[in-house]
Amino acid sequence: MDVDNVLVECAKIYNRVYRDALRSRDYYDLTNEEEDALDSRAREEIEAYLSSVGIPPEDYEFATVHCNCSELPFPRDEERVGTGAMSGRGVDTPGLIVKGRKVCLLCGR
């Protein structure tokens, strides 16, 4: 199992949950309650995916990570998650750590 590919897939799941829920709405139009609900749903889907690829809960944790993606654009199109260099200002973002490897769930890097 390639942990880097697993991390990118988790970021794709996170973006997909938001993209499917937002449709034509803007991310900034979400209420705090809506954002919390989407974040919970994304985490549940990520946990299910990690379980399906054989990664037990003790081998991963959701965490805040520092990333240069500037959080934009979000949500990203599927093919843009995990690719290309990010060149924004450093920000704290939702992230995931699997077996000591970190990923920003917003950009997949």
N, C-alpha and C. Protein backbone atom coordinates (compact mmCIF):
# COMPACT_ATOMS: atom_id res chain seq x y z
N MET A 1 0.85 -1.17 0.00
CA MET A 1 0.00 0.00 0.00
C MET A 1 0.89 1.24 0.00
N ASP A 2 0.62 2.15 -0.91
CA ASP A 2 1.36 3.40 -1.03
C ASP A 2 0.62 4.47 -0.21
N VAL A 3 1.21 4.85 0.91
CA VAL A 3 0.56 5.81 1.82
C VAL A 3 0.30 7.13 1.12
N ASP A 4 1.20 7.58 0.25
CA ASP A 4 0.99 8.85 -0.45
C ASP A 4 -0.28 8.81 -1.30
N ASN A 5 -0.52 7.70 -2.00
CA ASN A 5 -1.74 7.57 -2.80
C ASN A 5 -2.98 7.53 -1.92
N VAL A 6 -2.88 6.88 -0.77
CA VAL A 6 -3.99 6.83 0.18
C VAL A 6 -4.32 8.24 0.66
N LEU A 7 -3.30 9.03 0.97
CA LEU A 7 -3.51 10.40 1.44
C LEU A 7 -4.19 11.25 0.38
N VAL A 8 -3.76 11.13 -0.86
CA VAL A 8 -4.38 11.90 -1.95
C VAL A 8 -5.83 11.47 -2.12
N GLU A 9 -6.11 10.18 -2.03
CA GLU A 9 -7.49 9.71 -2.15
C GLU A 9 -8.35 10.27 -1.02
N CYS A 10 -7.81 10.37 0.17
CA CYS A 10 -8.55 10.95 1.30
C CYS A 10 -8.88 12.42 1.02
N ALA A 11 -7.93 13.16 0.45
CA ALA A 11 -8.19 14.56 0.10
C ALA A 11 -9.25 14.65 -1.00
N LYS A 12 -9.23 13.71 -1.94
CA LYS A 12 -10.26 13.68 -2.98
C LYS A 12 -11.64 13.45 -2.38
N ILE A 13 -11.72 12.55 -1.41
CA ILE A 13 -12.99 12.28 -0.73
C ILE A 13 -13.47 13.54 -0.04
N TYR A 14 -12.59 14.21 0.69
CA TYR A 14 -12.94 15.44 1.42
C TYR A 14 -13.50 16.49 0.45
N ASN A 15 -12.81 16.71 -0.65
CA ASN A 15 -13.25 17.68 -1.65
C ASN A 15 -14.57 17.26 -2.29
N ARG A 16 -14.71 15.96 -2.57
CA ARG A 16 -15.93 15.46 -3.22
C ARG A 16 -17.16 15.68 -2.35
N VAL A 17 -17.04 15.45 -1.05
CA VAL A 17 -18.17 15.66 -0.14
C VAL A 17 -18.63 17.11 -0.21
N TYR A 18 -17.70 18.03 -0.15
CA TYR A 18 -18.05 19.45 -0.23
C TYR A 18 -18.59 19.82 -1.61
N ARG A 19 -17.94 19.34 -2.66
CA ARG A 19 -18.36 19.68 -4.03
C ARG A 19 -19.78 19.18 -4.29
N ASP A 20 -20.07 17.95 -3.88
CA ASP A 20 -21.41 17.39 -4.09
C ASP A 20 -22.47 18.14 -3.30
N ALA A 21 -22.13 18.58 -2.11
CA ALA A 21 -23.10 19.30 -1.27
C ALA A 21 -23.32 20.73 -1.76
N LEU A 22 -22.27 21.36 -2.22
CA LEU A 22 -22.38 22.76 -2.62
C LEU A 22 -23.07 22.95 -3.96
N ARG A 23 -22.80 22.07 -4.89
CA ARG A 23 -23.31 22.20 -6.26
C ARG A 23 -22.99 23.60 -6.79
N SER A 24 -23.96 24.49 -6.90
CA SER A 24 -23.69 25.83 -7.45
C SER A 24 -23.50 26.89 -6.36
N ARG A 25 -23.62 26.50 -5.11
CA ARG A 25 -23.42 27.46 -4.02
C ARG A 25 -21.94 27.73 -3.81
N ASP A 26 -21.63 28.85 -3.24
CA ASP A 26 -20.26 29.19 -2.91
C ASP A 26 -19.92 28.67 -1.53
N TYR A 27 -18.70 28.20 -1.36
CA TYR A 27 -18.25 27.68 -0.06
C TYR A 27 -18.48 28.70 1.05
N TYR A 28 -18.28 29.97 0.75
CA TYR A 28 -18.40 31.01 1.78
C TYR A 28 -19.84 31.30 2.17
N ASP A 29 -20.81 30.71 1.47
CA ASP A 29 -22.21 30.86 1.84
C ASP A 29 -22.66 29.85 2.89
N LEU A 30 -21.80 28.88 3.21
CA LEU A 30 -22.15 27.87 4.21
C LEU A 30 -22.26 28.48 5.60
N THR A 31 -23.23 28.00 6.36
CA THR A 31 -23.28 28.38 7.77
C THR A 31 -22.27 27.51 8.52
N ASN A 32 -21.96 27.91 9.73
CA ASN A 32 -21.04 27.10 10.54
C ASN A 32 -21.59 25.70 10.76
N GLU A 33 -22.90 25.60 10.96
CA GLU A 33 -23.53 24.30 11.19
C GLU A 33 -23.42 23.42 9.95
N GLU A 34 -23.64 24.01 8.77
CA GLU A 34 -23.52 23.24 7.53
C GLU A 34 -22.08 22.77 7.33
N GLU A 35 -21.13 23.65 7.60
CA GLU A 35 -19.72 23.28 7.44
C GLU A 35 -19.34 22.16 8.40
N ASP A 36 -19.80 22.25 9.65
CA ASP A 36 -19.51 21.19 10.63
C ASP A 36 -20.10 19.85 10.18
N ALA A 37 -21.33 19.89 9.65
CA ALA A 37 -21.98 18.66 9.18
C ALA A 37 -21.23 18.06 7.99
N LEU A 38 -20.80 18.91 7.07
CA LEU A 38 -20.04 18.41 5.92
C LEU A 38 -18.69 17.85 6.34
N ASP A 39 -18.04 18.53 7.28
CA ASP A 39 -16.76 18.04 7.78
C ASP A 39 -16.93 16.67 8.44
N SER A 40 -17.99 16.50 9.22
CA SER A 40 -18.25 15.21 9.86
C SER A 40 -18.51 14.12 8.82
N ARG A 41 -19.30 14.46 7.81
CA ARG A 41 -19.60 13.48 6.75
C ARG A 41 -18.31 13.10 6.01
N ALA A 42 -17.48 14.08 5.71
CA ALA A 42 -16.22 13.80 5.01
C ALA A 42 -15.32 12.91 5.86
N ARG A 43 -15.24 13.18 7.15
CA ARG A 43 -14.41 12.36 8.03
C ARG A 43 -14.93 10.92 8.08
N GLU A 44 -16.26 10.76 8.13
CA GLU A 44 -16.84 9.41 8.15
C GLU A 44 -16.48 8.66 6.87
N GLU A 45 -16.58 9.34 5.72
CA GLU A 45 -16.25 8.68 4.46
C GLU A 45 -14.76 8.34 4.38
N ILE A 46 -13.93 9.23 4.90
CA ILE A 46 -12.48 8.96 4.92
C ILE A 46 -12.18 7.78 5.83
N GLU A 47 -12.81 7.75 7.00
CA GLU A 47 -12.61 6.62 7.92
C GLU A 47 -13.03 5.31 7.28
N ALA A 48 -14.16 5.31 6.56
CA ALA A 48 -14.61 4.10 5.87
C ALA A 48 -13.61 3.68 4.79
N TYR A 49 -13.09 4.64 4.06
CA TYR A 49 -12.08 4.34 3.03
C TYR A 49 -10.82 3.76 3.67
N LEU A 50 -10.33 4.40 4.73
CA LEU A 50 -9.12 3.91 5.38
C LEU A 50 -9.31 2.48 5.90
N SER A 51 -10.49 2.20 6.44
CA SER A 51 -10.79 0.85 6.90
C SER A 51 -10.78 -0.13 5.73
N SER A 52 -11.32 0.30 4.59
CA SER A 52 -11.40 -0.59 3.42
C SER A 52 -10.03 -0.91 2.84
N VAL A 53 -9.04 -0.04 3.07
CA VAL A 53 -7.69 -0.32 2.57
C VAL A 53 -6.79 -0.88 3.67
N GLY A 54 -7.39 -1.22 4.81
CA GLY A 54 -6.66 -1.91 5.87
C GLY A 54 -5.86 -1.04 6.81
N ILE A 55 -6.22 0.23 6.92
CA ILE A 55 -5.52 1.12 7.86
C ILE A 55 -6.39 1.27 9.10
N PRO A 56 -5.93 0.75 10.23
CA PRO A 56 -6.72 0.81 11.46
C PRO A 56 -6.71 2.22 12.07
N PRO A 57 -7.72 2.54 12.89
CA PRO A 57 -7.81 3.88 13.50
C PRO A 57 -6.57 4.31 14.27
N GLU A 58 -5.83 3.37 14.84
CA GLU A 58 -4.64 3.77 15.60
C GLU A 58 -3.49 4.22 14.70
N ASP A 59 -3.61 4.02 13.39
CA ASP A 59 -2.55 4.42 12.46
C ASP A 59 -2.81 5.75 11.77
N TYR A 60 -3.90 6.43 12.12
CA TYR A 60 -4.16 7.74 11.51
C TYR A 60 -4.83 8.67 12.51
N GLU A 61 -4.73 9.96 12.21
CA GLU A 61 -5.44 10.96 13.01
C GLU A 61 -5.73 12.18 12.15
N PHE A 62 -6.88 12.78 12.40
CA PHE A 62 -7.22 14.04 11.76
C PHE A 62 -6.52 15.13 12.56
N ALA A 63 -5.93 16.09 11.87
CA ALA A 63 -5.14 17.11 12.55
C ALA A 63 -5.16 18.39 11.72
N THR A 64 -4.73 19.46 12.33
CA THR A 64 -4.51 20.70 11.60
C THR A 64 -3.09 20.64 11.06
N VAL A 65 -2.93 20.94 9.77
CA VAL A 65 -1.61 20.95 9.16
C VAL A 65 -1.36 22.33 8.55
N HIS A 66 -0.10 22.66 8.39
CA HIS A 66 0.26 23.93 7.77
C HIS A 66 0.51 23.68 6.29
N CYS A 67 -0.13 24.46 5.42
CA CYS A 67 -0.03 24.24 3.99
C CYS A 67 0.09 25.58 3.26
N ASN A 68 0.69 25.56 2.11
CA ASN A 68 0.82 26.77 1.29
C ASN A 68 -0.27 26.91 0.23
N CYS A 69 -1.35 26.16 0.35
CA CYS A 69 -2.39 26.19 -0.68
C CYS A 69 -3.29 27.41 -0.58
N SER A 70 -3.22 28.14 0.49
CA SER A 70 -4.08 29.31 0.71
C SER A 70 -5.56 28.95 0.75
N GLU A 71 -5.87 27.69 0.86
CA GLU A 71 -7.24 27.19 0.97
C GLU A 71 -8.07 27.39 -0.30
N LEU A 72 -7.50 27.95 -1.35
CA LEU A 72 -8.26 28.24 -2.56
C LEU A 72 -7.61 27.59 -3.77
N PRO A 73 -8.32 27.18 -4.78
CA PRO A 73 -9.77 27.09 -4.75
C PRO A 73 -10.21 25.89 -3.92
N PHE A 74 -11.35 25.97 -3.33
CA PHE A 74 -11.93 24.86 -2.58
C PHE A 74 -13.42 24.89 -2.76
N PRO A 75 -14.06 23.77 -2.98
CA PRO A 75 -13.45 22.47 -3.23
C PRO A 75 -12.83 22.41 -4.63
N ARG A 76 -11.80 21.57 -4.73
CA ARG A 76 -11.07 21.41 -6.00
C ARG A 76 -11.73 20.33 -6.85
N ASP A 77 -11.54 20.47 -8.16
CA ASP A 77 -11.97 19.41 -9.07
C ASP A 77 -11.13 18.17 -8.79
N GLU A 78 -11.71 17.02 -9.00
CA GLU A 78 -11.06 15.74 -8.70
C GLU A 78 -9.64 15.65 -9.25
N GLU A 79 -9.47 16.03 -10.51
CA GLU A 79 -8.16 15.89 -11.14
C GLU A 79 -7.11 16.87 -10.62
N ARG A 80 -7.53 17.89 -9.88
CA ARG A 80 -6.59 18.88 -9.35
C ARG A 80 -6.13 18.56 -7.93
N VAL A 81 -6.77 17.61 -7.28
CA VAL A 81 -6.38 17.26 -5.91
C VAL A 81 -5.08 16.46 -5.95
N GLY A 82 -4.07 16.95 -5.25
CA GLY A 82 -2.81 16.24 -5.14
C GLY A 82 -1.83 16.50 -6.26
N THR A 83 -2.18 17.38 -7.19
CA THR A 83 -1.27 17.66 -8.31
C THR A 83 -0.89 19.13 -8.34
N GLY A 84 0.21 19.42 -8.95
CA GLY A 84 0.64 20.80 -9.14
C GLY A 84 1.16 21.43 -7.87
N ALA A 85 2.06 22.36 -8.07
CA ALA A 85 2.64 23.07 -6.93
C ALA A 85 1.67 24.12 -6.42
N MET A 86 1.64 24.27 -5.14
CA MET A 86 0.80 25.29 -4.53
C MET A 86 1.70 26.48 -4.20
N SER A 87 1.23 27.67 -4.41
CA SER A 87 2.07 28.83 -4.15
C SER A 87 1.28 29.95 -3.49
N GLY A 88 0.75 29.66 -2.37
CA GLY A 88 0.00 30.68 -1.64
C GLY A 88 0.69 31.00 -0.34
N ARG A 89 0.00 31.72 0.49
CA ARG A 89 0.54 32.01 1.81
C ARG A 89 0.30 30.81 2.69
N GLY A 90 1.14 30.58 3.64
CA GLY A 90 0.98 29.44 4.53
C GLY A 90 -0.20 29.63 5.45
N VAL A 91 -1.06 28.64 5.53
CA VAL A 91 -2.23 28.69 6.39
C VAL A 91 -2.39 27.34 7.09
N ASP A 92 -3.11 27.34 8.20
CA ASP A 92 -3.46 26.10 8.87
C ASP A 92 -4.73 25.56 8.24
N THR A 93 -4.71 24.29 7.89
CA THR A 93 -5.83 23.68 7.18
C THR A 93 -6.20 22.35 7.82
N PRO A 94 -7.41 21.84 7.52
CA PRO A 94 -7.75 20.50 7.98
C PRO A 94 -6.82 19.50 7.30
N GLY A 95 -6.32 18.56 8.07
CA GLY A 95 -5.39 17.60 7.51
C GLY A 95 -5.58 16.21 8.08
N LEU A 96 -4.76 15.31 7.60
CA LEU A 96 -4.80 13.92 8.01
C LEU A 96 -3.36 13.42 8.09
N ILE A 97 -3.08 12.66 9.13
CA ILE A 97 -1.77 12.04 9.29
C ILE A 97 -1.98 10.53 9.29
N VAL A 98 -1.33 9.85 8.35
CA VAL A 98 -1.40 8.39 8.24
C VAL A 98 0.02 7.86 8.32
N LYS A 99 0.27 7.04 9.34
CA LYS A 99 1.59 6.42 9.52
C LYS A 99 2.71 7.46 9.42
N GLY A 100 2.49 8.61 10.07
CA GLY A 100 3.51 9.65 10.12
C GLY A 100 3.57 10.56 8.91
N ARG A 101 2.79 10.30 7.87
CA ARG A 101 2.76 11.14 6.66
C ARG A 101 1.56 12.07 6.74
N LYS A 102 1.74 13.35 6.38
CA LYS A 102 0.68 14.34 6.48
C LYS A 102 0.16 14.73 5.11
N VAL A 103 -1.13 15.13 5.09
CA VAL A 103 -1.71 15.70 3.87
C VAL A 103 -2.69 16.80 4.27
N CYS A 104 -2.72 17.84 3.45
CA CYS A 104 -3.75 18.87 3.57
C CYS A 104 -4.99 18.31 2.86
N LEU A 105 -6.11 18.27 3.55
CA LEU A 105 -7.32 17.71 2.94
C LEU A 105 -7.95 18.66 1.92
N LEU A 106 -7.52 19.92 1.91
CA LEU A 106 -8.07 20.86 0.94
C LEU A 106 -7.42 20.72 -0.44
N CYS A 107 -6.10 20.51 -0.46
CA CYS A 107 -5.40 20.46 -1.75
C CYS A 107 -4.79 19.10 -2.07
N GLY A 108 -4.59 18.26 -1.07
CA GLY A 108 -4.01 16.94 -1.32
C GLY A 108 -2.50 16.92 -1.37
N ARG A 109 -1.85 17.97 -0.89
CA ARG A 109 -0.38 18.03 -0.90
C ARG A 109 0.16 17.97 0.50
